[in-house]
Protein backbone atom coordinates (compact mmCIF):
# COMPACT_ATOMS: atom_id res chain seq x y z
CA MET A 1 173.19 134.50 47.42
CA GLU A 2 173.32 138.25 46.78
CA LEU A 3 171.35 138.78 43.58
CA ASN A 4 172.61 141.36 41.08
CA THR A 5 172.34 141.91 37.33
CA ASN A 6 175.20 139.56 36.46
CA ASN A 7 174.28 136.58 38.60
CA LEU A 8 170.59 136.99 37.79
CA LYS A 9 171.51 136.42 34.14
CA THR A 10 173.48 133.33 35.10
CA LEU A 11 170.66 132.06 37.27
CA ALA A 12 168.14 132.70 34.48
CA LYS A 13 170.16 130.48 32.12
CA GLN A 14 170.06 127.72 34.73
CA VAL A 15 166.29 128.15 35.13
CA GLU A 16 165.94 127.73 31.35
CA GLU A 17 167.32 124.21 31.72
CA VAL A 18 164.82 123.43 34.49
CA ALA A 19 162.03 124.62 32.19
CA ARG A 20 163.35 122.44 29.35
CA VAL A 21 163.31 119.34 31.54
CA ALA A 22 159.69 120.02 32.47
CA GLY A 23 158.82 120.73 28.84
CA ALA A 24 160.34 117.47 27.67
CA PHE A 25 158.33 115.59 30.30
CA ILE A 26 155.12 117.32 29.20
CA LEU A 27 155.67 116.57 25.51
CA ASN A 28 156.49 112.96 26.22
CA GLU A 29 153.36 112.46 28.33
CA ARG A 30 151.24 114.14 25.66
CA LYS A 31 151.74 111.17 23.34
CA ALA A 32 149.54 108.84 25.37
CA PHE A 33 147.40 111.38 27.22
CA THR A 34 143.60 111.06 27.22
CA THR A 35 140.86 113.20 28.73
CA GLN A 36 140.07 110.35 31.13
CA LYS A 37 143.24 111.34 33.01
CA VAL A 38 141.92 114.84 33.80
CA GLU A 39 140.91 116.00 37.27
CA VAL A 40 138.47 118.89 37.82
CA LYS A 41 139.57 121.48 40.39
CA GLY A 42 136.58 123.76 39.78
CA HIS A 43 134.28 125.03 37.04
CA ASN A 44 136.31 124.78 33.81
CA ASP A 45 139.46 124.48 35.94
CA PHE A 46 141.40 121.33 35.09
CA VAL A 47 144.55 119.55 36.22
CA SER A 48 146.26 116.26 35.41
CA TYR A 49 149.14 114.15 36.63
CA VAL A 50 151.18 115.91 33.94
CA ASP A 51 150.75 119.34 35.60
CA LYS A 52 151.64 117.84 38.98
CA GLY A 53 154.59 115.84 37.67
CA ALA A 54 156.02 118.85 35.81
CA GLU A 55 155.65 121.01 38.91
CA LYS A 56 157.56 118.49 41.03
CA LEU A 57 160.39 118.45 38.50
CA ILE A 58 160.55 122.24 38.48
CA VAL A 59 160.48 122.57 42.27
CA GLU A 60 163.24 119.98 42.65
CA GLY A 61 165.38 121.76 40.07
CA LEU A 62 164.87 125.22 41.55
CA LYS A 63 165.63 124.09 45.10
CA LYS A 64 169.08 123.05 43.91
CA LEU A 65 169.68 126.45 42.31
CA LEU A 66 168.44 128.68 45.14
CA PRO A 67 167.74 126.71 48.33
CA GLU A 68 166.84 129.81 50.33
CA ALA A 69 163.85 130.79 48.17
CA GLY A 70 160.21 129.95 48.90
CA PHE A 71 157.51 128.99 46.42
CA ILE A 72 154.11 129.96 45.07
CA THR A 73 152.93 127.02 42.95
CA GLU A 74 149.69 126.47 41.07
CA GLU A 75 149.33 122.81 41.99
CA GLY A 76 150.39 123.13 45.62
CA THR A 77 153.59 121.09 45.42
CA GLU A 78 155.14 123.52 47.91
CA LYS A 79 153.30 125.53 50.55
CA GLN A 80 153.61 129.31 50.56
CA ASP A 81 155.82 130.80 53.23
CA SER A 82 156.79 134.25 54.45
CA ASN A 83 160.09 134.33 52.57
CA PRO A 84 160.27 137.57 50.53
CA LEU A 85 162.22 135.66 47.83
CA LYS A 86 159.85 133.30 46.03
CA TRP A 87 159.66 131.20 42.90
CA VAL A 88 156.26 131.51 41.21
CA ILE A 89 155.50 128.50 39.02
CA ASP A 90 152.89 127.49 36.48
CA PRO A 91 154.12 124.10 35.27
CA LEU A 92 151.63 123.92 32.41
CA ASP A 93 149.93 127.19 31.48
CA GLY A 94 147.26 126.25 28.98
CA THR A 95 146.12 122.98 30.56
CA THR A 96 142.80 123.06 28.71
CA ASN A 97 144.68 123.36 25.42
CA PHE A 98 146.94 120.49 26.45
CA ILE A 99 144.15 118.07 27.31
CA HIS A 100 142.35 118.81 24.03
CA GLY A 101 145.45 118.52 21.86
CA MET A 102 145.72 122.24 21.07
CA PRO A 103 149.31 123.44 20.58
CA PHE A 104 149.47 126.49 22.89
CA PHE A 105 150.85 125.66 26.34
CA ALA A 106 153.90 126.76 28.23
CA VAL A 107 156.02 126.44 31.35
CA SER A 108 156.16 129.68 33.33
CA ILE A 109 158.72 130.34 36.08
CA ALA A 110 159.38 133.65 37.84
CA LEU A 111 161.55 134.67 40.77
CA LEU A 112 160.08 137.44 42.91
CA GLN A 113 161.65 139.49 45.67
CA ASP A 114 159.13 141.42 47.76
CA LYS A 115 156.57 140.80 45.00
CA LYS A 116 158.79 142.32 42.29
CA PRO A 117 160.07 140.02 39.50
CA LEU A 118 163.79 139.39 39.18
CA ILE A 119 163.66 136.54 36.64
CA GLY A 120 160.99 135.54 34.15
CA ILE A 121 161.05 132.40 31.99
CA VAL A 122 158.28 131.32 29.60
CA TYR A 123 159.01 128.17 27.62
CA GLU A 124 156.50 127.74 24.78
CA ILE A 125 156.92 124.02 24.46
CA ASN A 126 155.52 123.15 21.04
CA GLN A 127 157.52 125.82 19.23
CA ASP A 128 160.61 125.24 21.38
CA GLU A 129 160.70 128.97 22.12
CA MET A 130 162.47 130.00 25.32
CA PHE A 131 161.59 133.54 26.44
CA THR A 132 163.94 134.79 29.15
CA ALA A 133 164.24 138.02 31.13
CA SER A 134 166.22 139.16 34.15
CA LEU A 135 165.89 142.46 35.96
CA SER A 136 167.89 145.15 34.13
CA GLY A 137 169.26 142.43 31.86
CA GLY A 138 166.87 142.65 28.90
CA ALA A 139 164.52 140.13 27.33
CA PHE A 140 165.44 137.35 24.91
CA LEU A 141 163.92 134.68 22.69
CA ASN A 142 166.21 131.68 22.21
CA GLY A 143 169.16 133.90 23.07
CA GLN A 144 168.27 136.78 20.74
CA ALA A 145 167.26 140.16 22.17
CA ILE A 146 163.58 141.05 21.72
CA SER A 147 161.53 144.19 22.07
CA VAL A 148 157.89 145.18 22.02
CA SER A 149 156.22 146.46 18.87
CA ALA A 150 156.19 150.00 17.49
CA ALA A 151 152.42 150.29 16.81
CA SER A 152 151.40 153.83 17.68
CA LYS A 153 147.64 153.44 18.22
CA VAL A 154 145.09 150.80 19.13
CA ALA A 155 143.54 150.97 15.66
CA ASP A 156 146.81 149.62 14.22
CA SER A 157 147.30 146.94 16.87
CA LEU A 158 146.83 143.18 17.09
CA LEU A 159 145.66 142.34 20.59
CA GLY A 160 145.66 139.22 22.72
CA THR A 161 143.18 138.34 25.44
CA GLY A 162 141.76 135.43 27.39
CA PHE A 163 138.12 134.48 27.81
CA PRO A 164 136.65 134.31 31.33
CA TYR A 165 136.08 130.65 32.20
CA TYR A 166 134.77 130.80 35.78
CA ASP A 167 134.61 134.43 36.93
CA TYR A 168 131.81 136.06 34.95
CA HIS A 169 131.14 139.20 37.01
CA LEU A 170 132.57 141.44 34.26
CA LEU A 171 131.41 139.33 31.34
CA ASP A 172 128.98 141.86 29.85
CA GLN A 173 131.57 144.63 30.02
CA TYR A 174 134.22 142.33 28.59
CA LEU A 175 132.02 141.40 25.63
CA ALA A 176 131.20 145.05 24.96
CA LEU A 177 134.91 145.87 24.89
CA PHE A 178 135.57 142.83 22.71
CA LYS A 179 132.93 144.00 20.23
CA HIS A 180 134.47 147.49 20.12
CA LEU A 181 137.98 146.13 19.55
CA MET A 182 136.77 143.83 16.78
CA LYS A 183 135.79 146.96 14.88
CA HIS A 184 138.64 149.25 15.92
CA SER A 185 141.86 147.21 15.83
CA HIS A 186 143.70 144.78 13.56
CA GLY A 187 142.00 141.96 15.46
CA ILE A 188 141.96 139.94 18.67
CA ARG A 189 143.55 136.56 19.32
CA ARG A 190 142.99 134.12 22.18
CA PRO A 191 145.71 131.42 22.30
CA GLY A 192 144.60 130.18 25.73
CA SER A 193 147.83 130.67 27.69
CA ALA A 194 148.38 134.01 29.42
CA ALA A 195 152.10 133.29 29.80
CA THR A 196 152.37 132.83 26.04
CA ASP A 197 150.29 135.95 25.40
CA LEU A 198 152.65 138.07 27.47
CA ALA A 199 155.69 136.55 25.79
CA TYR A 200 154.14 137.47 22.45
CA VAL A 201 153.73 141.09 23.61
CA ALA A 202 157.38 141.08 24.65
CA CYS A 203 158.57 140.00 21.20
CA GLY A 204 156.16 142.25 19.29
CA ARG A 205 153.75 139.64 17.91
CA PHE A 206 150.96 141.21 19.94
CA ASP A 207 150.87 144.96 20.46
CA GLY A 208 148.88 144.51 23.65
CA PHE A 209 147.23 141.97 25.95
CA TYR A 210 144.48 142.27 28.55
CA GLU A 211 142.63 139.86 30.82
CA TYR A 212 141.03 139.67 34.24
CA SER A 213 140.79 136.96 36.93
CA LEU A 214 144.33 135.69 36.48
CA SER A 215 146.62 134.30 39.18
CA PRO A 216 150.23 135.27 39.96
CA TRP A 217 151.61 132.09 38.36
CA ASP A 218 149.85 132.98 35.08
CA VAL A 219 151.55 136.35 34.69
CA ALA A 220 154.59 136.81 36.95
CA ALA A 221 157.18 135.70 34.39
CA GLY A 222 155.44 137.47 31.52
CA VAL A 223 155.30 140.77 33.37
CA LEU A 224 159.09 140.91 33.54
CA LEU A 225 159.42 139.80 29.92
CA VAL A 226 157.25 142.69 28.76
CA THR A 227 158.89 145.36 30.90
CA GLU A 228 162.42 144.22 30.05
CA ALA A 229 161.42 144.28 26.37
CA GLY A 230 160.42 147.95 26.71
CA GLY A 231 156.70 147.57 27.36
CA ILE A 232 154.35 148.75 30.09
CA VAL A 233 152.31 146.53 32.40
CA SER A 234 149.59 147.65 34.79
CA ASP A 235 146.32 146.63 36.35
CA PHE A 236 143.03 148.14 35.15
CA SER A 237 143.59 151.15 37.41
CA GLY A 238 146.95 151.89 35.81
CA GLU A 239 148.85 150.81 38.92
CA ASP A 240 151.93 148.58 39.02
CA GLU A 241 150.06 145.73 40.72
CA ALA A 242 149.29 143.36 37.85
CA ILE A 243 150.88 140.23 39.32
CA PHE A 244 148.60 140.04 42.36
CA SER A 245 145.60 142.18 41.36
CA LYS A 246 143.93 139.64 39.01
CA GLU A 247 143.86 142.34 36.28
CA ILE A 248 146.46 142.98 33.63
CA ILE A 249 147.14 145.22 30.68
CA ALA A 250 150.46 144.75 28.89
CA THR A 251 151.31 146.83 25.83
CA ASN A 252 154.06 148.62 23.99
CA PRO A 253 154.71 152.10 25.45
CA HIS A 254 152.95 153.91 22.60
CA ILE A 255 149.43 152.56 23.06
CA HIS A 256 149.26 151.93 26.80
CA SER A 257 147.63 155.21 27.78
CA GLU A 258 145.08 155.01 24.97
CA PHE A 259 144.29 151.36 25.63
CA LEU A 260 144.01 151.85 29.40
CA LYS A 261 141.56 154.71 28.93
CA LEU A 262 139.54 152.66 26.47
CA LEU A 263 139.49 149.58 28.68
CA ARG A 264 138.43 151.55 31.74
CA SER A 265 135.54 153.07 29.82
CA PHE A 266 134.12 149.54 29.40
CA MET A 267 135.42 147.47 32.32
CA LYS A 268 133.79 149.29 35.23
């Protein structure tokens, strides 16, 4: 399939339905879920049969839509290949929230071509909020166009972040920045799902988001959501490498330069 603006929009609508199927499965399994059903992948890194089952549903659905594409999946349902066209999937972003009964978790699906996002879907399951973006096609929440906020400086911004849970090599710097932002912004929130955080930047609920030690499946869909909603995304060096660099800053266009300079003064 030759991918262009029009058929990317059509494909994105089809991917929404794949995300909804996975979301319905996750919500249904949540009713009888207990922490005894959790597996430990690493330090504070959890997975369950729900993550794996949702990923299988998503992979099966996406293969029908675009058989020629490869996959990058969090739970290893499909092996990576050399195909430049890849689906990047986090079937349950916010697993720790899910297993503890906290209401922030999402399905995240992106389509990349040569590492650049063409489609980004974040389905925030509990709120039934479907965030959708396609390259040059804009960003939407439940079918309504969205845009990033208009805050003009960090001091007037509400920021999202995530706490390091296994990679602590920048912890002291992170806490110093956190302390500074507590005093010099409208506040900091930590929902516990990077995909949700980025969707919230895209629709203007957060003015900016930052985190380190993330994986491509955490951010790939959200990166396109933010950029198609008029925002700016970069790594901590200001480069356009956030999906694979394990560093991300996503903001509206007004505060990005200020926030990047501030972050770099601490996170070094």
